[in-house]
Amino acid sequence: MRDASTGPGLRGGATRWIRGPAVILAAAALMAWTLFPFGWMLLTSLKQSRDMLAAPPVLVFRPTTENYEAIFIGRQRGLYAAARPDFPRFFLNSGVRPLGGRMSGSND
């Protein structure tokens, strides 16, 4: 006698037919849930200051690199012209400290 769950019967084939797309759909939903914030941050970094805080959010905009110029080069305009964080130094410190700890054999 054949077992319906392992043979070519309706029950085994139906569960496999449903389970495959369900796993793919769940994986796609998890991937979208995980990657959406990173995409949103990237898009926000390419917006001008007035578009970043607009309500409702501006979805169609003209991309700009002014934010990256302000951080890395120091070219600041608009609202944040007076605030110049020393980002390159902070970025360098974020790389040097773990590298130094790794070279010294420290575990923290």
PDB file of N, CA and C in Angstrom:
ATOM      1  N   MET A   1       0.814  -1.175   0.000  1.00  0.00           N
ATOM      2  CA  MET A   1       0.000   0.000   0.000  1.00  0.00           C
ATOM      3  C   MET A   1       0.869   1.254   0.000  1.00  0.00           C
ATOM      4  N   ARG A   2       0.519   2.243  -0.785  1.00  0.00           N
ATOM      5  CA  ARG A   2       1.294   3.482  -0.889  1.00  0.00           C
ATOM      6  C   ARG A   2       0.907   4.481   0.180  1.00  0.00           C
ATOM      7  N   ASP A   3       1.920   5.205   0.638  1.00  0.00           N
ATOM      8  CA  ASP A   3       1.678   6.302   1.579  1.00  0.00           C
ATOM      9  C   ASP A   3       1.457   7.570   0.753  1.00  0.00           C
ATOM     10  N   ALA A   4       0.348   8.229   0.983  1.00  0.00           N
ATOM     11  CA  ALA A   4      -0.013   9.406   0.178  1.00  0.00           C
ATOM     12  C   ALA A   4       0.965  10.555   0.361  1.00  0.00           C
ATOM     13  N   SER A   5       1.656  10.635   1.498  1.00  0.00           N
ATOM     14  CA  SER A   5       2.550  11.772   1.736  1.00  0.00           C
ATOM     15  C   SER A   5       3.879  11.622   1.009  1.00  0.00           C
ATOM     16  N   THR A   6       4.254  10.404   0.599  1.00  0.00           N
ATOM     17  CA  THR A   6       5.524  10.215  -0.081  1.00  0.00           C
ATOM     18  C   THR A   6       5.367   9.898  -1.557  1.00  0.00           C
ATOM     19  N   GLY A   7       4.251   9.388  -1.957  1.00  0.00           N
ATOM     20  CA  GLY A   7       4.047   8.990  -3.345  1.00  0.00           C
ATOM     21  C   GLY A   7       3.561  10.138  -4.200  1.00  0.00           C
ATOM     22  N   PRO A   8       3.248   9.840  -5.442  1.00  0.00           N
ATOM     23  CA  PRO A   8       2.799  10.882  -6.363  1.00  0.00           C
ATOM     24  C   PRO A   8       1.333  11.257  -6.166  1.00  0.00           C
ATOM     25  N   GLY A   9       0.742  10.812  -5.065  1.00  0.00           N
ATOM     26  CA  GLY A   9      -0.662  11.107  -4.801  1.00  0.00           C
ATOM     27  C   GLY A   9      -0.907  12.596  -4.597  1.00  0.00           C
ATOM     28  N   LEU A  10      -2.155  12.948  -4.477  1.00  0.00           N
ATOM     29  CA  LEU A  10      -2.570  14.337  -4.356  1.00  0.00           C
ATOM     30  C   LEU A  10      -2.039  14.999  -3.098  1.00  0.00           C
ATOM     31  N   ARG A  11      -2.085  14.300  -1.984  1.00  0.00           N
ATOM     32  CA  ARG A  11      -1.713  14.913  -0.716  1.00  0.00           C
ATOM     33  C   ARG A  11      -0.235  15.314  -0.679  1.00  0.00           C
ATOM     34  N   GLY A  12       0.684  14.436  -1.026  1.00  0.00           N
ATOM     35  CA  GLY A  12       2.119  14.738  -0.992  1.00  0.00           C
ATOM     36  C   GLY A  12       2.503  15.811  -1.990  1.00  0.00           C
ATOM     37  N   GLY A  13       1.959  15.726  -3.197  1.00  0.00           N
ATOM     38  CA  GLY A  13       2.274  16.726  -4.214  1.00  0.00           C
ATOM     39  C   GLY A  13       1.707  18.082  -3.880  1.00  0.00           C
ATOM     40  N   ALA A  14       0.536  18.112  -3.264  1.00  0.00           N
ATOM     41  CA  ALA A  14      -0.098  19.382  -2.921  1.00  0.00           C
ATOM     42  C   ALA A  14       0.678  20.094  -1.824  1.00  0.00           C
ATOM     43  N   THR A  15       1.142  19.350  -0.826  1.00  0.00           N
ATOM     44  CA  THR A  15       1.889  20.011   0.245  1.00  0.00           C
ATOM     45  C   THR A  15       3.226  20.523  -0.262  1.00  0.00           C
ATOM     46  N   ARG A  16       3.881  19.768  -1.136  1.00  0.00           N
ATOM     47  CA  ARG A  16       5.135  20.245  -1.717  1.00  0.00           C
ATOM     48  C   ARG A  16       4.896  21.443  -2.612  1.00  0.00           C
ATOM     49  N   TRP A  17       3.805  21.453  -3.331  1.00  0.00           N
ATOM     50  CA  TRP A  17       3.483  22.548  -4.251  1.00  0.00           C
ATOM     51  C   TRP A  17       3.186  23.822  -3.471  1.00  0.00           C
ATOM     52  N   ILE A  18       2.595  23.694  -2.298  1.00  0.00           N
ATOM     53  CA  ILE A  18       2.275  24.857  -1.466  1.00  0.00           C
ATOM     54  C   ILE A  18       3.487  25.288  -0.637  1.00  0.00           C
ATOM     55  N   ARG A  19       4.230  24.326  -0.116  1.00  0.00           N
ATOM     56  CA  ARG A  19       5.346  24.634   0.766  1.00  0.00           C
ATOM     57  C   ARG A  19       6.455  25.396   0.047  1.00  0.00           C
ATOM     58  N   GLY A  20       6.789  25.059  -1.174  1.00  0.00           N
ATOM     59  CA  GLY A  20       7.860  25.733  -1.928  1.00  0.00           C
ATOM     60  C   GLY A  20       7.609  27.225  -2.082  1.00  0.00           C
ATOM     61  N   PRO A  21       6.483  27.633  -2.667  1.00  0.00           N
ATOM     62  CA  PRO A  21       6.197  29.066  -2.789  1.00  0.00           C
ATOM     63  C   PRO A  21       6.042  29.770  -1.446  1.00  0.00           C
ATOM     64  N   ALA A  22       5.534  29.072  -0.434  1.00  0.00           N
ATOM     65  CA  ALA A  22       5.373  29.692   0.889  1.00  0.00           C
ATOM     66  C   ALA A  22       6.736  30.019   1.495  1.00  0.00           C
ATOM     67  N   VAL A  23       7.702  29.132   1.333  1.00  0.00           N
ATOM     68  CA  VAL A  23       9.050  29.385   1.844  1.00  0.00           C
ATOM     69  C   VAL A  23       9.680  30.545   1.084  1.00  0.00           C
ATOM     70  N   ILE A  24       9.507  30.564  -0.227  1.00  0.00           N
ATOM     71  CA  ILE A  24      10.053  31.657  -1.040  1.00  0.00           C
ATOM     72  C   ILE A  24       9.405  32.978  -0.658  1.00  0.00           C
ATOM     73  N   LEU A  25       8.111  32.984  -0.468  1.00  0.00           N
ATOM     74  CA  LEU A  25       7.401  34.199  -0.077  1.00  0.00           C
ATOM     75  C   LEU A  25       7.845  34.681   1.302  1.00  0.00           C
ATOM     76  N   ALA A  26       8.008  33.768   2.234  1.00  0.00           N
ATOM     77  CA  ALA A  26       8.464  34.137   3.579  1.00  0.00           C
ATOM     78  C   ALA A  26       9.890  34.689   3.538  1.00  0.00           C
ATOM     79  N   ALA A  27      10.752  34.077   2.739  1.00  0.00           N
ATOM     80  CA  ALA A  27      12.129  34.567   2.616  1.00  0.00           C
ATOM     81  C   ALA A  27      12.159  35.950   1.966  1.00  0.00           C
ATOM     82  N   ALA A  28      11.325  36.167   0.956  1.00  0.00           N
ATOM     83  CA  ALA A  28      11.263  37.477   0.296  1.00  0.00           C
ATOM     84  C   ALA A  28      10.736  38.540   1.258  1.00  0.00           C
ATOM     85  N   ALA A  29       9.741  38.190   2.068  1.00  0.00           N
ATOM     86  CA  ALA A  29       9.204  39.147   3.041  1.00  0.00           C
ATOM     87  C   ALA A  29      10.252  39.485   4.103  1.00  0.00           C
ATOM     88  N   LEU A  30      10.985  38.493   4.573  1.00  0.00           N
ATOM     89  CA  LEU A  30      12.038  38.728   5.556  1.00  0.00           C
ATOM     90  C   LEU A  30      13.157  39.586   4.962  1.00  0.00           C
ATOM     91  N   MET A  31      13.505  39.323   3.719  1.00  0.00           N
ATOM     92  CA  MET A  31      14.547  40.114   3.058  1.00  0.00           C
ATOM     93  C   MET A  31      14.107  41.564   2.875  1.00  0.00           C
ATOM     94  N   ALA A  32      12.859  41.781   2.476  1.00  0.00           N
ATOM     95  CA  ALA A  32      12.343  43.141   2.321  1.00  0.00           C
ATOM     96  C   ALA A  32      12.308  43.843   3.677  1.00  0.00           C
ATOM     97  N   TRP A  33      11.873  43.143   4.726  1.00  0.00           N
ATOM     98  CA  TRP A  33      11.813  43.698   6.076  1.00  0.00           C
ATOM     99  C   TRP A  33      13.209  44.122   6.546  1.00  0.00           C
ATOM    100  N   THR A  34      14.220  43.338   6.186  1.00  0.00           N
ATOM    101  CA  THR A  34      15.584  43.609   6.617  1.00  0.00           C
ATOM    102  C   THR A  34      16.241  44.705   5.789  1.00  0.00           C
ATOM    103  N   LEU A  35      16.043  44.705   4.482  1.00  0.00           N
ATOM    104  CA  LEU A  35      16.753  45.636   3.602  1.00  0.00           C
ATOM    105  C   LEU A  35      16.075  46.992   3.447  1.00  0.00           C
ATOM    106  N   PHE A  36      14.778  47.091   3.737  1.00  0.00           N
ATOM    107  CA  PHE A  36      14.056  48.354   3.565  1.00  0.00           C
ATOM    108  C   PHE A  36      14.687  49.513   4.338  1.00  0.00           C
ATOM    109  N   PRO A  37      15.047  49.345   5.630  1.00  0.00           N
ATOM    110  CA  PRO A  37      15.647  50.478   6.350  1.00  0.00           C
ATOM    111  C   PRO A  37      16.954  50.966   5.732  1.00  0.00           C
ATOM    112  N   PHE A  38      17.765  50.041   5.220  1.00  0.00           N
ATOM    113  CA  PHE A  38      19.027  50.449   4.599  1.00  0.00           C
ATOM    114  C   PHE A  38      18.775  51.225   3.309  1.00  0.00           C
ATOM    115  N   GLY A  39      17.814  50.786   2.531  1.00  0.00           N
ATOM    116  CA  GLY A  39      17.451  51.515   1.316  1.00  0.00           C
ATOM    117  C   GLY A  39      16.897  52.889   1.630  1.00  0.00           C
ATOM    118  N   TRP A  40      16.067  52.966   2.674  1.00  0.00           N
ATOM    119  CA  TRP A  40      15.486  54.250   3.082  1.00  0.00           C
ATOM    120  C   TRP A  40      16.585  55.212   3.549  1.00  0.00           C
ATOM    121  N   MET A  41      17.560  54.698   4.301  1.00  0.00           N
ATOM    122  CA  MET A  41      18.677  55.547   4.759  1.00  0.00           C
ATOM    123  C   MET A  41      19.495  56.049   3.574  1.00  0.00           C
ATOM    124  N   LEU A  42      19.740  55.184   2.595  1.00  0.00           N
ATOM    125  CA  LEU A  42      20.489  55.603   1.419  1.00  0.00           C
ATOM    126  C   LEU A  42      19.727  56.680   0.653  1.00  0.00           C
ATOM    127  N   LEU A  43      18.434  56.477   0.440  1.00  0.00           N
ATOM    128  CA  LEU A  43      17.637  57.485  -0.262  1.00  0.00           C
ATOM    129  C   LEU A  43      17.586  58.793   0.518  1.00  0.00           C
ATOM    130  N   THR A  44      17.463  58.717   1.830  1.00  0.00           N
ATOM    131  CA  THR A  44      17.422  59.923   2.650  1.00  0.00           C
ATOM    132  C   THR A  44      18.749  60.668   2.590  1.00  0.00           C
ATOM    133  N   SER A  45      19.849  59.952   2.521  1.00  0.00           N
ATOM    134  CA  SER A  45      21.151  60.613   2.453  1.00  0.00           C
ATOM    135  C   SER A  45      21.344  61.358   1.137  1.00  0.00           C
ATOM    136  N   LEU A  46      20.577  61.005   0.130  1.00  0.00           N
ATOM    137  CA  LEU A  46      20.685  61.672  -1.172  1.00  0.00           C
ATOM    138  C   LEU A  46      19.673  62.808  -1.332  1.00  0.00           C
ATOM    139  N   LYS A  47      18.880  63.072  -0.297  1.00  0.00           N
ATOM    140  CA  LYS A  47      17.885  64.143  -0.362  1.00  0.00           C
ATOM    141  C   LYS A  47      18.466  65.444   0.183  1.00  0.00           C
ATOM    142  N   GLN A  48      17.856  66.555  -0.218  1.00  0.00           N
ATOM    143  CA  GLN A  48      18.215  67.841   0.363  1.00  0.00           C
ATOM    144  C   GLN A  48      17.559  67.950   1.733  1.00  0.00           C
ATOM    145  N   SER A  49      18.039  68.875   2.560  1.00  0.00           N
ATOM    146  CA  SER A  49      17.560  69.004   3.937  1.00  0.00           C
ATOM    147  C   SER A  49      16.051  69.187   4.005  1.00  0.00           C
ATOM    148  N   ARG A  50      15.503  70.002   3.135  1.00  0.00           N
ATOM    149  CA  ARG A  50      14.061  70.271   3.192  1.00  0.00           C
ATOM    150  C   ARG A  50      13.231  69.044   2.817  1.00  0.00           C
ATOM    151  N   ASP A  51      13.779  68.165   1.986  1.00  0.00           N
ATOM    152  CA  ASP A  51      13.063  66.954   1.583  1.00  0.00           C
ATOM    153  C   ASP A  51      13.143  65.854   2.641  1.00  0.00           C
ATOM    154  N   MET A  52      14.192  65.870   3.462  1.00  0.00           N
ATOM    155  CA  MET A  52      14.363  64.821   4.476  1.00  0.00           C
ATOM    156  C   MET A  52      13.253  64.842   5.512  1.00  0.00           C
ATOM    157  N   LEU A  53      12.847  66.037   5.922  1.00  0.00           N
ATOM    158  CA  LEU A  53      11.882  66.170   7.007  1.00  0.00           C
ATOM    159  C   LEU A  53      10.493  66.552   6.521  1.00  0.00           C
ATOM    160  N   ALA A  54      10.257  66.459   5.227  1.00  0.00           N
ATOM    161  CA  ALA A  54       8.961  66.847   4.671  1.00  0.00           C
ATOM    162  C   ALA A  54       7.871  65.871   5.117  1.00  0.00           C
ATOM    163  N   ALA A  55       6.691  66.415   5.351  1.00  0.00           N
ATOM    164  CA  ALA A  55       5.536  65.587   5.684  1.00  0.00           C
ATOM    165  C   ALA A  55       4.423  65.932   4.709  1.00  0.00           C
ATOM    166  N   PRO A  56       3.934  65.006   3.962  1.00  0.00           N
ATOM    167  CA  PRO A  56       4.298  63.597   3.836  1.00  0.00           C
ATOM    168  C   PRO A  56       5.666  63.446   3.171  1.00  0.00           C
ATOM    169  N   PRO A  57       6.291  62.280   3.340  1.00  0.00           N
ATOM    170  CA  PRO A  57       7.637  62.073   2.790  1.00  0.00           C
ATOM    171  C   PRO A  57       7.683  62.297   1.281  1.00  0.00           C
ATOM    172  N   VAL A  58       8.770  62.907   0.837  1.00  0.00           N
ATOM    173  CA  VAL A  58       8.989  63.151  -0.587  1.00  0.00           C
ATOM    174  C   VAL A  58       9.586  61.882  -1.185  1.00  0.00           C
ATOM    175  N   LEU A  59       8.857  61.255  -2.097  1.00  0.00           N
ATOM    176  CA  LEU A  59       9.331  60.012  -2.698  1.00  0.00           C
ATOM    177  C   LEU A  59      10.030  60.244  -4.030  1.00  0.00           C
ATOM    178  N   VAL A  60       9.641  61.297  -4.736  1.00  0.00           N
ATOM    179  CA  VAL A  60      10.296  61.640  -6.010  1.00  0.00           C
ATOM    180  C   VAL A  60      11.079  62.919  -5.754  1.00  0.00           C
ATOM    181  N   PHE A  61      12.390  62.850  -5.917  1.00  0.00           N
ATOM    182  CA  PHE A  61      13.242  63.993  -5.618  1.00  0.00           C
ATOM    183  C   PHE A  61      14.447  63.980  -6.544  1.00  0.00           C
ATOM    184  N   ARG A  62      15.137  65.105  -6.549  1.00  0.00           N
ATOM    185  CA  ARG A  62      16.363  65.233  -7.343  1.00  0.00           C
ATOM    186  C   ARG A  62      17.542  64.888  -6.426  1.00  0.00           C
ATOM    187  N   PRO A  63      18.267  63.798  -6.684  1.00  0.00           N
ATOM    188  CA  PRO A  63      19.360  63.383  -5.799  1.00  0.00           C
ATOM    189  C   PRO A  63      20.469  64.431  -5.740  1.00  0.00           C
ATOM    190  N   THR A  64      21.102  64.521  -4.586  1.00  0.00           N
ATOM    191  CA  THR A  64      22.210  65.434  -4.391  1.00  0.00           C
ATOM    192  C   THR A  64      23.294  64.766  -3.561  1.00  0.00           C
ATOM    193  N   THR A  65      24.529  65.185  -3.754  1.00  0.00           N
ATOM    194  CA  THR A  65      25.638  64.660  -2.959  1.00  0.00           C
ATOM    195  C   THR A  65      26.098  65.682  -1.923  1.00  0.00           C
ATOM    196  N   GLU A  66      25.294  66.723  -1.696  1.00  0.00           N
ATOM    197  CA  GLU A  66      25.673  67.778  -0.757  1.00  0.00           C
ATOM    198  C   GLU A  66      25.916  67.235   0.647  1.00  0.00           C
ATOM    199  N   ASN A  67      25.151  66.265   1.068  1.00  0.00           N
ATOM    200  CA  ASN A  67      25.326  65.710   2.411  1.00  0.00           C
ATOM    201  C   ASN A  67      26.679  65.016   2.555  1.00  0.00           C
ATOM    202  N   TYR A  68      27.096  64.293   1.538  1.00  0.00           N
ATOM    203  CA  TYR A  68      28.395  63.631   1.582  1.00  0.00           C
ATOM    204  C   TYR A  68      29.526  64.645   1.467  1.00  0.00           C
ATOM    205  N   GLU A  69      29.328  65.684   0.665  1.00  0.00           N
ATOM    206  CA  GLU A  69      30.326  66.752   0.572  1.00  0.00           C
ATOM    207  C   GLU A  69      30.477  67.445   1.919  1.00  0.00           C
ATOM    208  N   ALA A  70      29.373  67.657   2.609  1.00  0.00           N
ATOM    209  CA  ALA A  70      29.410  68.330   3.911  1.00  0.00           C
ATOM    210  C   ALA A  70      30.171  67.500   4.938  1.00  0.00           C
ATOM    211  N   ILE A  71      30.013  66.203   4.898  1.00  0.00           N
ATOM    212  CA  ILE A  71      30.670  65.350   5.898  1.00  0.00           C
ATOM    213  C   ILE A  71      32.141  65.133   5.577  1.00  0.00           C
ATOM    214  N   PHE A  72      32.445  64.762   4.349  1.00  0.00           N
ATOM    215  CA  PHE A  72      33.813  64.371   4.021  1.00  0.00           C
ATOM    216  C   PHE A  72      34.706  65.541   3.628  1.00  0.00           C
ATOM    217  N   ILE A  73      34.169  66.517   2.909  1.00  0.00           N
ATOM    218  CA  ILE A  73      34.989  67.619   2.402  1.00  0.00           C
ATOM    219  C   ILE A  73      34.843  68.867   3.257  1.00  0.00           C
ATOM    220  N   GLY A  74      33.700  69.056   3.857  1.00  0.00           N
ATOM    221  CA  GLY A  74      33.466  70.228   4.689  1.00  0.00           C
ATOM    222  C   GLY A  74      32.675  71.313   3.988  1.00  0.00           C
ATOM    223  N   ARG A  75      32.137  71.032   2.835  1.00  0.00           N
ATOM    224  CA  ARG A  75      31.301  71.998   2.118  1.00  0.00           C
ATOM    225  C   ARG A  75      29.890  71.926   2.676  1.00  0.00           C
ATOM    226  N   GLN A  76      29.528  72.933   3.452  1.00  0.00           N
ATOM    227  CA  GLN A  76      28.201  72.923   4.047  1.00  0.00           C
ATOM    228  C   GLN A  76      27.434  74.159   3.639  1.00  0.00           C
ATOM    229  N   ARG A  77      26.163  73.936   3.326  1.00  0.00           N
ATOM    230  CA  ARG A  77      25.272  75.030   2.939  1.00  0.00           C
ATOM    231  C   ARG A  77      23.971  74.884   3.703  1.00  0.00           C
ATOM    232  N   GLY A  78      23.200  75.922   3.716  1.00  0.00           N
ATOM    233  CA  GLY A  78      21.851  75.838   4.272  1.00  0.00           C
ATOM    234  C   GLY A  78      21.810  75.788   5.781  1.00  0.00           C
ATOM    235  N   LEU A  79      20.913  74.962   6.295  1.00  0.00           N
ATOM    236  CA  LEU A  79      20.655  74.904   7.728  1.00  0.00           C
ATOM    237  C   LEU A  79      21.854  74.461   8.554  1.00  0.00           C
ATOM    238  N   TYR A  80      22.681  73.608   8.018  1.00  0.00           N
ATOM    239  CA  TYR A  80      23.755  73.006   8.797  1.00  0.00           C
ATOM    240  C   TYR A  80      25.115  73.619   8.510  1.00  0.00           C
ATOM    241  N   ALA A  81      25.141  74.863   8.015  1.00  0.00           N
ATOM    242  CA  ALA A  81      26.399  75.501   7.640  1.00  0.00           C
ATOM    243  C   ALA A  81      27.300  75.746   8.846  1.00  0.00           C
ATOM    244  N   ALA A  82      26.745  75.970  10.010  1.00  0.00           N
ATOM    245  CA  ALA A  82      27.552  76.265  11.190  1.00  0.00           C
ATOM    246  C   ALA A  82      28.042  75.002  11.891  1.00  0.00           C
ATOM    247  N   ALA A  83      27.395  73.893  11.693  1.00  0.00           N
ATOM    248  CA  ALA A  83      27.761  72.656  12.388  1.00  0.00           C
ATOM    249  C   ALA A  83      28.686  71.831  11.514  1.00  0.00           C
ATOM    250  N   ARG A  84      29.941  71.723  11.901  1.00  0.00           N
ATOM    251  CA  ARG A  84      30.896  70.925  11.138  1.00  0.00           C
ATOM    252  C   ARG A  84      31.498  69.871  12.044  1.00  0.00           C
ATOM    253  N   PRO A  85      30.940  68.670  12.038  1.00  0.00           N
ATOM    254  CA  PRO A  85      31.563  67.612  12.824  1.00  0.00           C
ATOM    255  C   PRO A  85      32.876  67.185  12.174  1.00  0.00           C
ATOM    256  N   ASP A  86      33.769  66.744  12.969  1.00  0.00           N
ATOM    257  CA  ASP A  86      35.051  66.284  12.440  1.00  0.00           C
ATOM    258  C   ASP A  86      34.925  64.812  12.037  1.00  0.00           C
ATOM    259  N   PHE A  87      34.074  64.565  11.069  1.00  0.00           N
ATOM    260  CA  PHE A  87      33.718  63.210  10.672  1.00  0.00           C
ATOM    261  C   PHE A  87      34.905  62.391  10.176  1.00  0.00           C
ATOM    262  N   PRO A  88      35.787  62.933   9.320  1.00  0.00           N
ATOM    263  CA  PRO A  88      36.919  62.096   8.878  1.00  0.00           C
ATOM    264  C   PRO A  88      37.759  61.574  10.041  1.00  0.00           C
ATOM    265  N   ARG A  89      37.973  62.401  11.061  1.00  0.00           N
ATOM    266  CA  ARG A  89      38.746  61.941  12.223  1.00  0.00           C
ATOM    267  C   ARG A  89      37.981  60.854  12.983  1.00  0.00           C
ATOM    268  N   PHE A  90      36.672  61.056  13.156  1.00  0.00           N
ATOM    269  CA  PHE A  90      35.867  60.046  13.844  1.00  0.00           C
ATOM    270  C   PHE A  90      35.872  58.735  13.064  1.00  0.00           C
ATOM    271  N   PHE A  91      35.774  58.832  11.757  1.00  0.00           N
ATOM    272  CA  PHE A  91      35.776  57.646  10.898  1.00  0.00           C
ATOM    273  C   PHE A  91      37.105  56.907  11.018  1.00  0.00           C
ATOM    274  N   LEU A  92      38.206  57.669  11.032  1.00  0.00           N
ATOM    275  CA  LEU A  92      39.530  57.071  11.181  1.00  0.00           C
ATOM    276  C   LEU A  92      39.652  56.390  12.541  1.00  0.00           C
ATOM    277  N   ASN A  93      39.168  57.047  13.598  1.00  0.00           N
ATOM    278  CA  ASN A  93      39.209  56.448  14.937  1.00  0.00           C
ATOM    279  C   ASN A  93      38.414  55.150  14.982  1.00  0.00           C
ATOM    280  N   SER A  94      37.302  55.088  14.273  1.00  0.00           N
ATOM    281  CA  SER A  94      36.490  53.876  14.254  1.00  0.00           C
ATOM    282  C   SER A  94      37.211  52.717  13.587  1.00  0.00           C
ATOM    283  N   GLY A  95      38.176  53.004  12.738  1.00  0.00           N
ATOM    284  CA  GLY A  95      38.947  51.945  12.103  1.00  0.00           C
ATOM    285  C   GLY A  95      40.216  51.613  12.854  1.00  0.00           C
ATOM    286  N   VAL A  96      40.859  52.628  13.440  1.00  0.00           N
ATOM    287  CA  VAL A  96      42.142  52.420  14.109  1.00  0.00           C
ATOM    288  C   VAL A  96      41.974  51.665  15.421  1.00  0.00           C
ATOM    289  N   ARG A  97      40.964  52.004  16.192  1.00  0.00           N
ATOM    290  CA  ARG A  97      40.800  51.373  17.501  1.00  0.00           C
ATOM    291  C   ARG A  97      40.574  49.858  17.397  1.00  0.00           C
ATOM    292  N   PRO A  98      39.637  49.396  16.558  1.00  0.00           N
ATOM    293  CA  PRO A  98      39.486  47.927  16.448  1.00  0.00           C
ATOM    294  C   PRO A  98      40.724  47.249  15.868  1.00  0.00           C
ATOM    295  N   LEU A  99      41.375  47.924  14.926  1.00  0.00           N
ATOM    296  CA  LEU A  99      42.582  47.336  14.340  1.00  0.00           C
ATOM    297  C   LEU A  99      43.680  47.231  15.391  1.00  0.00           C
ATOM    298  N   GLY A 100      43.839  48.276  16.205  1.00  0.00           N
ATOM    299  CA  GLY A 100      44.843  48.232  17.275  1.00  0.00           C
ATOM    300  C   GLY A 100      44.518  47.177  18.306  1.00  0.00           C
ATOM    301  N   GLY A 101      43.256  47.050  18.645  1.00  0.00           N
ATOM    302  CA  GLY A 101      42.850  46.018  19.590  1.00  0.00           C
ATOM    303  C   GLY A 101      43.088  44.626  19.041  1.00  0.00           C
ATOM    304  N   ARG A 102      42.851  44.464  17.774  1.00  0.00           N
ATOM    305  CA  ARG A 102      43.051  43.159  17.139  1.00  0.00           C
ATOM    306  C   ARG A 102      44.535  42.808  17.090  1.00  0.00           C
ATOM    307  N   MET A 103      45.358  43.812  16.803  1.00  0.00           N
ATOM    308  CA  MET A 103      46.802  43.571  16.713  1.00  0.00           C
ATOM    309  C   MET A 103      47.403  43.293  18.084  1.00  0.00           C
ATOM    310  N   SER A 104      46.848  43.904  19.145  1.00  0.00           N
ATOM    311  CA  SER A 104      47.378  43.691  20.480  1.00  0.00           C
ATOM    312  C   SER A 104      46.850  42.397  21.113  1.00  0.00           C
ATOM    313  N   GLY A 105      45.847  41.805  20.507  1.00  0.00           N
ATOM    314  CA  GLY A 105      45.314  40.549  21.017  1.00  0.00           C
ATOM    315  C   GLY A 105      44.210  40.745  22.032  1.00  0.00           C
ATOM    316  N   SER A 106      43.719  41.950  22.168  1.00  0.00           N
ATOM    317  CA  SER A 106      42.641  42.237  23.114  1.00  0.00           C
ATOM    318  C   SER A 106      41.340  41.664  22.605  1.00  0.00           C
ATOM    319  N   ASN A 107      40.488  41.179  23.501  1.00  0.00           N
ATOM    320  CA  ASN A 107      39.225  40.592  23.110  1.00  0.00           C
ATOM    321  C   ASN A 107      38.054  41.544  23.241  1.00  0.00           C
ATOM    322  N   ASP A 108      38.241  42.755  23.729  1.00  0.00           N
ATOM    323  CA  ASP A 108      37.100  43.662  23.852  1.00  0.00           C
ATOM    324  C   ASP A 108      37.246  44.761  22.883  1.00  0.00           C
TER     325      ASP A 108
END
